[in-house]
Amino acid sequence: MTQSKITFIYAYEEENWSTPMALANEFMNQGWDTEVVSIGSNRLQNWNDDGIKKWLESKPETDIVLFMDWGRFDSPLLDKVHLPNTFWVQEQKDFT
Protein backbone atom coordinates (compact mmCIF):
# COMPACT_ATOMS: atom_id res chain seq x y z
CA MET A 1 0.00 0.00 0.00
CA THR A 2 1.34 3.43 -0.97
CA GLN A 3 1.64 5.89 1.87
CA SER A 4 -0.42 9.03 1.39
CA LYS A 5 1.18 12.44 1.77
CA ILE A 6 -0.62 15.49 3.11
CA THR A 7 0.69 19.05 2.98
CA PHE A 8 -0.56 21.67 5.42
CA ILE A 9 -0.16 25.33 4.47
CA TYR A 10 -0.67 27.75 7.35
CA ALA A 11 1.03 30.39 9.51
CA TYR A 12 3.25 28.55 11.97
CA GLU A 13 6.37 30.60 12.60
CA GLU A 14 6.58 31.70 16.23
CA GLU A 15 3.33 29.85 17.01
CA ASN A 16 2.92 27.82 20.20
CA TRP A 17 -0.42 26.25 19.32
CA SER A 18 -2.97 26.40 16.54
CA THR A 19 -5.70 24.19 15.08
CA PRO A 20 -3.66 23.53 11.90
CA MET A 21 -0.64 22.56 14.01
CA ALA A 22 -2.79 20.16 16.06
CA LEU A 23 -4.18 18.55 12.89
CA ALA A 24 -0.75 18.23 11.28
CA ASN A 25 0.60 16.59 14.44
CA GLU A 26 -2.34 14.16 14.51
CA PHE A 27 -1.75 13.15 10.88
CA MET A 28 1.95 12.61 11.72
CA ASN A 29 0.98 10.51 14.75
CA GLN A 30 -1.28 8.40 12.52
CA GLY A 31 1.65 7.60 10.23
CA TRP A 32 0.94 9.96 7.33
CA ASP A 33 3.83 11.49 5.43
CA THR A 34 3.13 15.05 6.60
CA GLU A 35 4.62 18.30 5.39
CA VAL A 36 4.09 21.86 6.63
CA VAL A 37 4.55 24.97 4.49
CA SER A 38 4.51 28.27 6.36
CA ILE A 39 2.86 31.50 5.21
CA GLY A 40 4.48 33.44 8.07
CA SER A 41 3.20 34.15 11.55
CA ASN A 42 -0.24 35.08 12.83
CA ARG A 43 1.31 36.45 16.02
CA LEU A 44 3.74 38.67 14.11
CA GLN A 45 1.23 39.38 11.30
CA ASN A 46 3.88 38.89 8.62
CA TRP A 47 2.02 36.71 6.11
CA ASN A 48 3.71 36.09 2.75
CA ASP A 49 3.78 33.57 -0.05
CA ASP A 50 7.56 32.94 0.00
CA GLY A 51 7.14 29.48 1.54
CA ILE A 52 4.47 28.49 -0.99
CA LYS A 53 6.63 29.70 -3.87
CA LYS A 54 9.68 27.69 -2.70
CA TRP A 55 7.49 24.65 -2.11
CA LEU A 56 5.95 24.80 -5.61
CA GLU A 57 9.38 25.34 -7.18
CA SER A 58 10.53 22.08 -5.55
CA LYS A 59 7.91 20.25 -7.66
CA PRO A 60 6.24 18.61 -4.67
CA GLU A 61 4.48 15.27 -4.81
CA THR A 62 1.57 15.27 -2.41
CA ASP A 63 -1.90 13.72 -2.38
CA ILE A 64 -3.69 16.40 -0.36
CA VAL A 65 -3.06 20.11 0.21
CA LEU A 66 -4.90 21.57 3.18
CA PHE A 67 -4.68 25.37 3.33
CA MET A 68 -5.77 26.53 6.77
CA ASP A 69 -6.12 30.24 7.28
CA TRP A 70 -9.03 32.33 8.42
CA GLY A 71 -9.04 34.73 5.50
CA ARG A 72 -6.31 37.24 6.28
CA PHE A 73 -3.98 35.77 3.66
CA ASP A 74 -4.54 34.97 0.01
CA SER A 75 -2.15 34.21 -2.81
CA PRO A 76 -2.46 33.39 -6.50
CA LEU A 77 -0.12 30.48 -5.75
CA LEU A 78 -2.93 28.80 -3.80
CA ASP A 79 -4.49 27.39 -6.93
CA LYS A 80 -5.16 23.84 -8.05
CA VAL A 81 -3.64 24.68 -11.44
CA HIS A 82 -0.18 24.30 -9.84
CA LEU A 83 -0.80 20.67 -8.78
CA PRO A 84 -3.86 19.53 -10.75
CA ASN A 85 -3.71 15.88 -9.67
CA THR A 86 -3.75 16.79 -5.98
CA PHE A 87 -6.86 17.19 -3.83
CA TRP A 88 -6.87 20.81 -2.58
CA VAL A 89 -8.97 21.99 0.34
CA GLN A 90 -9.15 25.50 1.73
CA GLU A 91 -10.53 26.01 5.22
CA GLN A 92 -14.12 27.26 4.90
CA LYS A 93 -13.97 27.09 1.10
CA ASP A 94 -13.00 24.41 -1.41
CA PHE A 95 -10.64 25.42 -4.18
CA THR A 96 -12.35 25.77 -7.55
PDB file of N, CA and C in Angstrom:
ATOM      1  N   MET A   1       0.835  -1.181   0.000  1.00  0.00           N
ATOM      2  CA  MET A   1       0.000   0.000   0.000  1.00  0.00           C
ATOM      3  C   MET A   1       0.881   1.247   0.000  1.00  0.00           C
ATOM      4  N   THR A   2       0.593   2.183  -0.880  1.00  0.00           N
ATOM      5  CA  THR A   2       1.343   3.426  -0.973  1.00  0.00           C
ATOM      6  C   THR A   2       0.937   4.367   0.160  1.00  0.00           C
ATOM      7  N   GLN A   3       1.928   4.948   0.793  1.00  0.00           N
ATOM      8  CA  GLN A   3       1.644   5.890   1.869  1.00  0.00           C
ATOM      9  C   GLN A   3       1.169   7.213   1.279  1.00  0.00           C
ATOM     10  N   SER A   4       0.103   7.747   1.838  1.00  0.00           N
ATOM     11  CA  SER A   4      -0.421   9.032   1.388  1.00  0.00           C
ATOM     12  C   SER A   4       0.376  10.168   2.006  1.00  0.00           C
ATOM     13  N   LYS A   5       0.484  11.260   1.260  1.00  0.00           N
ATOM     14  CA  LYS A   5       1.176  12.436   1.769  1.00  0.00           C
ATOM     15  C   LYS A   5       0.196  13.593   1.819  1.00  0.00           C
ATOM     16  N   ILE A   6       0.225  14.320   2.933  1.00  0.00           N
ATOM     17  CA  ILE A   6      -0.620  15.495   3.106  1.00  0.00           C
ATOM     18  C   ILE A   6       0.269  16.693   3.411  1.00  0.00           C
ATOM     19  N   THR A   7      -0.043  17.813   2.774  1.00  0.00           N
ATOM     20  CA  THR A   7       0.694  19.054   2.983  1.00  0.00           C
ATOM     21  C   THR A   7      -0.237  20.072   3.606  1.00  0.00           C
ATOM     22  N   PHE A   8       0.176  20.611   4.740  1.00  0.00           N
ATOM     23  CA  PHE A   8      -0.560  21.674   5.420  1.00  0.00           C
ATOM     24  C   PHE A   8       0.110  22.997   5.101  1.00  0.00           C
ATOM     25  N   ILE A   9      -0.676  23.981   4.694  1.00  0.00           N
ATOM     26  CA  ILE A   9      -0.163  25.333   4.466  1.00  0.00           C
ATOM     27  C   ILE A   9      -0.873  26.241   5.449  1.00  0.00           C
ATOM     28  N   TYR A  10      -0.091  26.856   6.341  1.00  0.00           N
ATOM     29  CA  TYR A  10      -0.668  27.749   7.350  1.00  0.00           C
ATOM     30  C   TYR A  10       0.438  28.571   7.994  1.00  0.00           C
ATOM     31  N   ALA A  11       0.069  29.571   8.774  1.00  0.00           N
ATOM     32  CA  ALA A  11       1.031  30.390   9.511  1.00  0.00           C
ATOM     33  C   ALA A  11       1.491  29.606  10.735  1.00  0.00           C
ATOM     34  N   TYR A  12       2.780  29.297  10.799  1.00  0.00           N
ATOM     35  CA  TYR A  12       3.249  28.545  11.966  1.00  0.00           C
ATOM     36  C   TYR A  12       4.564  29.042  12.548  1.00  0.00           C
ATOM     37  N   GLU A  13       5.154  30.062  12.002  1.00  0.00           N
ATOM     38  CA  GLU A  13       6.373  30.599  12.601  1.00  0.00           C
ATOM     39  C   GLU A  13       6.028  31.306  13.901  1.00  0.00           C
ATOM     40  N   GLU A  14       6.781  31.052  14.934  1.00  0.00           N
ATOM     41  CA  GLU A  14       6.582  31.696  16.234  1.00  0.00           C
ATOM     42  C   GLU A  14       5.279  31.298  16.913  1.00  0.00           C
ATOM     43  N   GLU A  15       4.602  30.252  16.418  1.00  0.00           N
ATOM     44  CA  GLU A  15       3.326  29.849  17.006  1.00  0.00           C
ATOM     45  C   GLU A  15       3.579  28.778  18.058  1.00  0.00           C
ATOM     46  N   ASN A  16       2.838  28.852  19.161  1.00  0.00           N
ATOM     47  CA  ASN A  16       2.916  27.824  20.198  1.00  0.00           C
ATOM     48  C   ASN A  16       1.842  26.768  20.031  1.00  0.00           C
ATOM     49  N   TRP A  17       0.696  27.161  19.522  1.00  0.00           N
ATOM     50  CA  TRP A  17      -0.416  26.246  19.320  1.00  0.00           C
ATOM     51  C   TRP A  17      -1.357  26.839  18.295  1.00  0.00           C
ATOM     52  N   SER A  18      -1.929  25.982  17.466  1.00  0.00           N
ATOM     53  CA  SER A  18      -2.972  26.395  16.536  1.00  0.00           C
ATOM     54  C   SER A  18      -3.729  25.143  16.103  1.00  0.00           C
ATOM     55  N   THR A  19      -4.920  25.328  15.587  1.00  0.00           N
ATOM     56  CA  THR A  19      -5.695  24.192  15.082  1.00  0.00           C
ATOM     57  C   THR A  19      -4.952  23.493  13.944  1.00  0.00           C
ATOM     58  N   PRO A  20      -4.400  24.226  12.960  1.00  0.00           N
ATOM     59  CA  PRO A  20      -3.657  23.526  11.902  1.00  0.00           C
ATOM     60  C   PRO A  20      -2.486  22.715  12.443  1.00  0.00           C
ATOM     61  N   MET A  21      -1.771  23.277  13.422  1.00  0.00           N
ATOM     62  CA  MET A  21      -0.644  22.563  14.014  1.00  0.00           C
ATOM     63  C   MET A  21      -1.115  21.276  14.694  1.00  0.00           C
ATOM     64  N   ALA A  22      -2.240  21.351  15.394  1.00  0.00           N
ATOM     65  CA  ALA A  22      -2.788  20.164  16.056  1.00  0.00           C
ATOM     66  C   ALA A  22      -3.173  19.105  15.027  1.00  0.00           C
ATOM     67  N   LEU A  23      -3.803  19.514  13.933  1.00  0.00           N
ATOM     68  CA  LEU A  23      -4.182  18.551  12.888  1.00  0.00           C
ATOM     69  C   LEU A  23      -2.956  17.938  12.218  1.00  0.00           C
ATOM     70  N   ALA A  24      -1.971  18.757  11.899  1.00  0.00           N
ATOM     71  CA  ALA A  24      -0.749  18.234  11.280  1.00  0.00           C
ATOM     72  C   ALA A  24      -0.081  17.218  12.203  1.00  0.00           C
ATOM     73  N   ASN A  25      -0.001  17.526  13.484  1.00  0.00           N
ATOM     74  CA  ASN A  25       0.598  16.590  14.443  1.00  0.00           C
ATOM     75  C   ASN A  25      -0.195  15.290  14.528  1.00  0.00           C
ATOM     76  N   GLU A  26      -1.518  15.370  14.461  1.00  0.00           N
ATOM     77  CA  GLU A  26      -2.338  14.158  14.508  1.00  0.00           C
ATOM     78  C   GLU A  26      -2.115  13.300  13.263  1.00  0.00           C
ATOM     79  N   PHE A  27      -2.031  13.926  12.090  1.00  0.00           N
ATOM     80  CA  PHE A  27      -1.747  13.153  10.877  1.00  0.00           C
ATOM     81  C   PHE A  27      -0.383  12.484  10.987  1.00  0.00           C
ATOM     82  N   MET A  28       0.628  13.203  11.512  1.00  0.00           N
ATOM     83  CA  MET A  28       1.953  12.605  11.718  1.00  0.00           C
ATOM     84  C   MET A  28       1.867  11.419  12.660  1.00  0.00           C
ATOM     85  N   ASN A  29       1.129  11.585  13.768  1.00  0.00           N
ATOM     86  CA  ASN A  29       0.984  10.507  14.748  1.00  0.00           C
ATOM     87  C   ASN A  29       0.279   9.289  14.176  1.00  0.00           C
ATOM     88  N   GLN A  30      -0.565   9.502  13.162  1.00  0.00           N
ATOM     89  CA  GLN A  30      -1.283   8.400  12.525  1.00  0.00           C
ATOM     90  C   GLN A  30      -0.468   7.755  11.396  1.00  0.00           C
ATOM     91  N   GLY A  31       0.760   8.226  11.202  1.00  0.00           N
ATOM     92  CA  GLY A  31       1.653   7.604  10.231  1.00  0.00           C
ATOM     93  C   GLY A  31       1.638   8.199   8.833  1.00  0.00           C
ATOM     94  N   TRP A  32       0.947   9.315   8.641  1.00  0.00           N
ATOM     95  CA  TRP A  32       0.942   9.960   7.329  1.00  0.00           C
ATOM     96  C   TRP A  32       2.274  10.645   7.078  1.00  0.00           C
ATOM     97  N   ASP A  33       2.708  10.663   5.851  1.00  0.00           N
ATOM     98  CA  ASP A  33       3.826  11.488   5.432  1.00  0.00           C
ATOM     99  C   ASP A  33       3.277  12.914   5.420  1.00  0.00           C
ATOM    100  N   THR A  34       3.724  13.734   6.363  1.00  0.00           N
ATOM    101  CA  THR A  34       3.131  15.049   6.601  1.00  0.00           C
ATOM    102  C   THR A  34       4.165  16.138   6.393  1.00  0.00           C
ATOM    103  N   GLU A  35       3.749  17.177   5.695  1.00  0.00           N
ATOM    104  CA  GLU A  35       4.624  18.305   5.389  1.00  0.00           C
ATOM    105  C   GLU A  35       3.900  19.590   5.786  1.00  0.00           C
ATOM    106  N   VAL A  36       4.660  20.561   6.264  1.00  0.00           N
ATOM    107  CA  VAL A  36       4.092  21.858   6.630  1.00  0.00           C
ATOM    108  C   VAL A  36       4.814  22.945   5.838  1.00  0.00           C
ATOM    109  N   VAL A  37       4.029  23.814   5.212  1.00  0.00           N
ATOM    110  CA  VAL A  37       4.551  24.968   4.485  1.00  0.00           C
ATOM    111  C   VAL A  37       4.019  26.204   5.199  1.00  0.00           C
ATOM    112  N   SER A  38       4.913  27.100   5.590  1.00  0.00           N
ATOM    113  CA  SER A  38       4.509  28.274   6.359  1.00  0.00           C
ATOM    114  C   SER A  38       4.203  29.468   5.466  1.00  0.00           C
ATOM    115  N   ILE A  39       3.164  30.214   5.856  1.00  0.00           N
ATOM    116  CA  ILE A  39       2.862  31.502   5.211  1.00  0.00           C
ATOM    117  C   ILE A  39       3.242  32.657   6.128  1.00  0.00           C
ATOM    118  N   GLY A  40       4.058  32.400   7.140  1.00  0.00           N
ATOM    119  CA  GLY A  40       4.485  33.444   8.066  1.00  0.00           C
ATOM    120  C   GLY A  40       3.956  33.192   9.455  1.00  0.00           C
ATOM    121  N   SER A  41       3.633  34.258  10.159  1.00  0.00           N
ATOM    122  CA  SER A  41       3.201  34.153  11.549  1.00  0.00           C
ATOM    123  C   SER A  41       1.933  34.957  11.789  1.00  0.00           C
ATOM    124  N   ASN A  42       0.947  34.328  12.418  1.00  0.00           N
ATOM    125  CA  ASN A  42      -0.242  35.083  12.834  1.00  0.00           C
ATOM    126  C   ASN A  42       0.110  36.054  13.955  1.00  0.00           C
ATOM    127  N   ARG A  43       0.952  35.606  14.880  1.00  0.00           N
ATOM    128  CA  ARG A  43       1.309  36.447  16.019  1.00  0.00           C
ATOM    129  C   ARG A  43       2.053  37.698  15.566  1.00  0.00           C
ATOM    130  N   LEU A  44       2.958  37.535  14.610  1.00  0.00           N
ATOM    131  CA  LEU A  44       3.740  38.667  14.113  1.00  0.00           C
ATOM    132  C   LEU A  44       3.061  39.385  12.950  1.00  0.00           C
ATOM    133  N   GLN A  45       1.989  38.823  12.435  1.00  0.00           N
ATOM    134  CA  GLN A  45       1.233  39.376  11.304  1.00  0.00           C
ATOM    135  C   GLN A  45       2.146  39.683  10.119  1.00  0.00           C
ATOM    136  N   ASN A  46       2.957  38.716   9.755  1.00  0.00           N
ATOM    137  CA  ASN A  46       3.877  38.891   8.621  1.00  0.00           C
ATOM    138  C   ASN A  46       3.622  37.840   7.540  1.00  0.00           C
ATOM    139  N   TRP A  47       2.379  37.714   7.098  1.00  0.00           N
ATOM    140  CA  TRP A  47       2.023  36.708   6.111  1.00  0.00           C
ATOM    141  C   TRP A  47       2.689  37.005   4.772  1.00  0.00           C
ATOM    142  N   ASN A  48       3.126  35.943   4.078  1.00  0.00           N
ATOM    143  CA  ASN A  48       3.711  36.092   2.749  1.00  0.00           C
ATOM    144  C   ASN A  48       3.632  34.765   2.013  1.00  0.00           C
ATOM    145  N   ASP A  49       3.875  34.807   0.723  1.00  0.00           N
ATOM    146  CA  ASP A  49       3.784  33.568  -0.045  1.00  0.00           C
ATOM    147  C   ASP A  49       5.155  32.985  -0.401  1.00  0.00           C
ATOM    148  N   ASP A  50       6.214  33.442   0.273  1.00  0.00           N
ATOM    149  CA  ASP A  50       7.560  32.937   0.003  1.00  0.00           C
ATOM    150  C   ASP A  50       7.661  31.421   0.188  1.00  0.00           C
ATOM    151  N   GLY A  51       7.084  30.917   1.270  1.00  0.00           N
ATOM    152  CA  GLY A  51       7.141  29.484   1.538  1.00  0.00           C
ATOM    153  C   GLY A  51       6.394  28.676   0.491  1.00  0.00           C
ATOM    154  N   ILE A  52       5.251  29.182   0.045  1.00  0.00           N
ATOM    155  CA  ILE A  52       4.471  28.494  -0.986  1.00  0.00           C
ATOM    156  C   ILE A  52       5.247  28.474  -2.296  1.00  0.00           C
ATOM    157  N   LYS A  53       5.863  29.606  -2.636  1.00  0.00           N
ATOM    158  CA  LYS A  53       6.632  29.702  -3.871  1.00  0.00           C
ATOM    159  C   LYS A  53       7.783  28.696  -3.873  1.00  0.00           C
ATOM    160  N   LYS A  54       8.555  28.641  -2.796  1.00  0.00           N
ATOM    161  CA  LYS A  54       9.676  27.693  -2.699  1.00  0.00           C
ATOM    162  C   LYS A  54       9.173  26.258  -2.770  1.00  0.00           C
ATOM    163  N   TRP A  55       8.060  25.998  -2.112  1.00  0.00           N
ATOM    164  CA  TRP A  55       7.491  24.648  -2.108  1.00  0.00           C
ATOM    165  C   TRP A  55       7.079  24.238  -3.524  1.00  0.00           C
ATOM    166  N   LEU A  56       6.375  25.116  -4.242  1.00  0.00           N
ATOM    167  CA  LEU A  56       5.950  24.796  -5.609  1.00  0.00           C
ATOM    168  C   LEU A  56       7.145  24.638  -6.544  1.00  0.00           C
ATOM    169  N   GLU A  57       8.182  25.454  -6.348  1.00  0.00           N
ATOM    170  CA  GLU A  57       9.384  25.338  -7.185  1.00  0.00           C
ATOM    171  C   GLU A  57      10.092  24.008  -6.983  1.00  0.00           C
ATOM    172  N   SER A  58       9.897  23.381  -5.823  1.00  0.00           N
ATOM    173  CA  SER A  58      10.528  22.084  -5.546  1.00  0.00           C
ATOM    174  C   SER A  58       9.800  20.928  -6.230  1.00  0.00           C
ATOM    175  N   LYS A  59       8.728  21.238  -6.965  1.00  0.00           N
ATOM    176  CA  LYS A  59       7.907  20.246  -7.659  1.00  0.00           C
ATOM    177  C   LYS A  59       7.438  19.152  -6.695  1.00  0.00           C
ATOM    178  N   PRO A  60       6.660  19.547  -5.700  1.00  0.00           N
ATOM    179  CA  PRO A  60       6.243  18.606  -4.665  1.00  0.00           C
ATOM    180  C   PRO A  60       5.310  17.512  -5.179  1.00  0.00           C
ATOM    181  N   GLU A  61       5.412  16.367  -4.558  1.00  0.00           N
ATOM    182  CA  GLU A  61       4.480  15.274  -4.810  1.00  0.00           C
ATOM    183  C   GLU A  61       3.696  15.070  -3.526  1.00  0.00           C
ATOM    184  N   THR A  62       2.426  15.402  -3.576  1.00  0.00           N
ATOM    185  CA  THR A  62       1.573  15.269  -2.406  1.00  0.00           C
ATOM    186  C   THR A  62       0.181  14.880  -2.874  1.00  0.00           C
ATOM    187  N   ASP A  63      -0.549  14.167  -2.032  1.00  0.00           N
ATOM    188  CA  ASP A  63      -1.897  13.721  -2.380  1.00  0.00           C
ATOM    189  C   ASP A  63      -2.956  14.753  -2.001  1.00  0.00           C
ATOM    190  N   ILE A  64      -2.718  15.448  -0.897  1.00  0.00           N
ATOM    191  CA  ILE A  64      -3.692  16.398  -0.363  1.00  0.00           C
ATOM    192  C   ILE A  64      -2.966  17.667   0.059  1.00  0.00           C
ATOM    193  N   VAL A  65      -3.528  18.819  -0.295  1.00  0.00           N
ATOM    194  CA  VAL A  65      -3.061  20.109   0.214  1.00  0.00           C
ATOM    195  C   VAL A  65      -4.201  20.679   1.043  1.00  0.00           C
ATOM    196  N   LEU A  66      -3.903  20.994   2.278  1.00  0.00           N
ATOM    197  CA  LEU A  66      -4.901  21.566   3.177  1.00  0.00           C
ATOM    198  C   LEU A  66      -4.420  22.957   3.592  1.00  0.00           C
ATOM    199  N   PHE A  67      -5.033  23.995   2.992  1.00  0.00           N
ATOM    200  CA  PHE A  67      -4.677  25.371   3.332  1.00  0.00           C
ATOM    201  C   PHE A  67      -5.590  25.820   4.462  1.00  0.00           C
ATOM    202  N   MET A  68      -4.990  26.170   5.587  1.00  0.00           N
ATOM    203  CA  MET A  68      -5.766  26.533   6.768  1.00  0.00           C
ATOM    204  C   MET A  68      -5.408  27.945   7.207  1.00  0.00           C
ATOM    205  N   ASP A  69      -6.280  28.863   6.869  1.00  0.00           N
ATOM    206  CA  ASP A  69      -6.121  30.244   7.280  1.00  0.00           C
ATOM    207  C   ASP A  69      -7.515  30.824   7.378  1.00  0.00           C
ATOM    208  N   TRP A  70      -7.699  31.795   8.183  1.00  0.00           N
ATOM    209  CA  TRP A  70      -9.029  32.330   8.425  1.00  0.00           C
ATOM    210  C   TRP A  70      -9.337  33.560   7.599  1.00  0.00           C
ATOM    211  N   GLY A  71      -8.669  33.706   6.461  1.00  0.00           N
ATOM    212  CA  GLY A  71      -9.041  34.728   5.504  1.00  0.00           C
ATOM    213  C   GLY A  71      -8.177  35.971   5.480  1.00  0.00           C
ATOM    214  N   ARG A  72      -7.142  36.039   6.280  1.00  0.00           N
ATOM    215  CA  ARG A  72      -6.306  37.240   6.283  1.00  0.00           C
ATOM    216  C   ARG A  72      -5.171  37.123   5.277  1.00  0.00           C
ATOM    217  N   PHE A  73      -5.053  35.981   4.631  1.00  0.00           N
ATOM    218  CA  PHE A  73      -3.983  35.767   3.663  1.00  0.00           C
ATOM    219  C   PHE A  73      -4.568  35.117   2.421  1.00  0.00           C
ATOM    220  N   ASP A  74      -4.146  35.591   1.267  1.00  0.00           N
ATOM    221  CA  ASP A  74      -4.539  34.969   0.011  1.00  0.00           C
ATOM    222  C   ASP A  74      -3.362  35.118  -0.944  1.00  0.00           C
ATOM    223  N   SER A  75      -3.252  34.175  -1.862  1.00  0.00           N
ATOM    224  CA  SER A  75      -2.151  34.206  -2.808  1.00  0.00           C
ATOM    225  C   SER A  75      -2.589  33.545  -4.104  1.00  0.00           C
ATOM    226  N   PRO A  76      -2.159  34.061  -5.240  1.00  0.00           N
ATOM    227  CA  PRO A  76      -2.463  33.390  -6.501  1.00  0.00           C
ATOM    228  C   PRO A  76      -1.774  32.029  -6.608  1.00  0.00           C
ATOM    229  N   LEU A  77      -0.795  31.777  -5.749  1.00  0.00           N
ATOM    230  CA  LEU A  77      -0.117  30.479  -5.753  1.00  0.00           C
ATOM    231  C   LEU A  77      -0.981  29.385  -5.135  1.00  0.00           C
ATOM    232  N   LEU A  78      -2.017  29.777  -4.393  1.00  0.00           N
ATOM    233  CA  LEU A  78      -2.934  28.803  -3.799  1.00  0.00           C
ATOM    234  C   LEU A  78      -4.010  28.455  -4.826  1.00  0.00           C
ATOM    235  N   ASP A  79      -3.593  27.711  -5.831  1.00  0.00           N
ATOM    236  CA  ASP A  79      -4.490  27.392  -6.935  1.00  0.00           C
ATOM    237  C   ASP A  79      -4.212  25.970  -7.413  1.00  0.00           C
ATOM    238  N   LYS A  80      -5.262  25.226  -7.612  1.00  0.00           N
ATOM    239  CA  LYS A  80      -5.160  23.836  -8.046  1.00  0.00           C
ATOM    240  C   LYS A  80      -4.402  23.691  -9.365  1.00  0.00           C
ATOM    241  N   VAL A  81      -4.339  24.741 -10.164  1.00  0.00           N
ATOM    242  CA  VAL A  81      -3.640  24.680 -11.436  1.00  0.00           C
ATOM    243  C   VAL A  81      -2.166  24.287 -11.243  1.00  0.00           C
ATOM    244  N   HIS A  82      -1.586  24.601 -10.094  1.00  0.00           N
ATOM    245  CA  HIS A  82      -0.176  24.303  -9.837  1.00  0.00           C
ATOM    246  C   HIS A  82       0.076  22.824  -9.579  1.00  0.00           C
ATOM    247  N   LEU A  83      -0.886  22.119  -9.019  1.00  0.00           N
ATOM    248  CA  LEU A  83      -0.800  20.671  -8.781  1.00  0.00           C
ATOM    249  C   LEU A  83      -2.176  20.075  -9.101  1.00  0.00           C
ATOM    250  N   PRO A  84      -2.501  19.916 -10.369  1.00  0.00           N
ATOM    251  CA  PRO A  84      -3.859  19.533 -10.750  1.00  0.00           C
ATOM    252  C   PRO A  84      -4.285  18.131 -10.318  1.00  0.00           C
ATOM    253  N   ASN A  85      -3.352  17.242 -10.069  1.00  0.00           N
ATOM    254  CA  ASN A  85      -3.710  15.878  -9.669  1.00  0.00           C
ATOM    255  C   ASN A  85      -3.760  15.699  -8.162  1.00  0.00           C
ATOM    256  N   THR A  86      -3.725  16.799  -7.443  1.00  0.00           N
ATOM    257  CA  THR A  86      -3.747  16.794  -5.982  1.00  0.00           C
ATOM    258  C   THR A  86      -5.100  17.311  -5.511  1.00  0.00           C
ATOM    259  N   PHE A  87      -5.602  16.732  -4.425  1.00  0.00           N
ATOM    260  CA  PHE A  87      -6.856  17.186  -3.833  1.00  0.00           C
ATOM    261  C   PHE A  87      -6.548  18.392  -2.952  1.00  0.00           C
ATOM    262  N   TRP A  88      -7.109  19.562  -3.305  1.00  0.00           N
ATOM    263  CA  TRP A  88      -6.872  20.810  -2.578  1.00  0.00           C
ATOM    264  C   TRP A  88      -8.104  21.160  -1.757  1.00  0.00           C
ATOM    265  N   VAL A  89      -7.879  21.533  -0.512  1.00  0.00           N
ATOM    266  CA  VAL A  89      -8.973  21.988   0.345  1.00  0.00           C
ATOM    267  C   VAL A  89      -8.533  23.275   1.032  1.00  0.00           C
ATOM    268  N   GLN A  90      -9.401  24.258   1.014  1.00  0.00           N
ATOM    269  CA  GLN A  90      -9.150  25.505   1.733  1.00  0.00           C
ATOM    270  C   GLN A  90     -10.146  25.582   2.870  1.00  0.00           C
ATOM    271  N   GLU A  91      -9.660  25.856   4.057  1.00  0.00           N
ATOM    272  CA  GLU A  91     -10.530  26.008   5.220  1.00  0.00           C
ATOM    273  C   GLU A  91     -11.669  26.963   4.887  1.00  0.00           C
ATOM    274  N   GLN A  92     -12.874  26.519   5.114  1.00  0.00           N
ATOM    275  CA  GLN A  92     -14.121  27.259   4.904  1.00  0.00           C
ATOM    276  C   GLN A  92     -14.442  27.476   3.440  1.00  0.00           C
ATOM    277  N   LYS A  93     -13.652  26.941   2.512  1.00  0.00           N
ATOM    278  CA  LYS A  93     -13.974  27.091   1.098  1.00  0.00           C
ATOM    279  C   LYS A  93     -13.127  26.113   0.289  1.00  0.00           C
ATOM    280  N   ASP A  94     -13.759  25.298  -0.531  1.00  0.00           N
ATOM    281  CA  ASP A  94     -12.997  24.414  -1.409  1.00  0.00           C
ATOM    282  C   ASP A  94     -12.406  25.223  -2.555  1.00  0.00           C
ATOM    283  N   PHE A  95     -11.241  24.797  -3.015  1.00  0.00           N
ATOM    284  CA  PHE A  95     -10.643  25.417  -4.181  1.00  0.00           C
ATOM    285  C   PHE A  95     -11.484  25.099  -5.400  1.00  0.00           C
ATOM    286  N   THR A  96     -11.567  26.009  -6.330  1.00  0.00           N
ATOM    287  CA  THR A  96     -12.347  25.769  -7.548  1.00  0.00           C
ATOM    288  C   THR A  96     -11.430  25.483  -8.711  1.00  0.00           C
TER     289      THR A  96
END
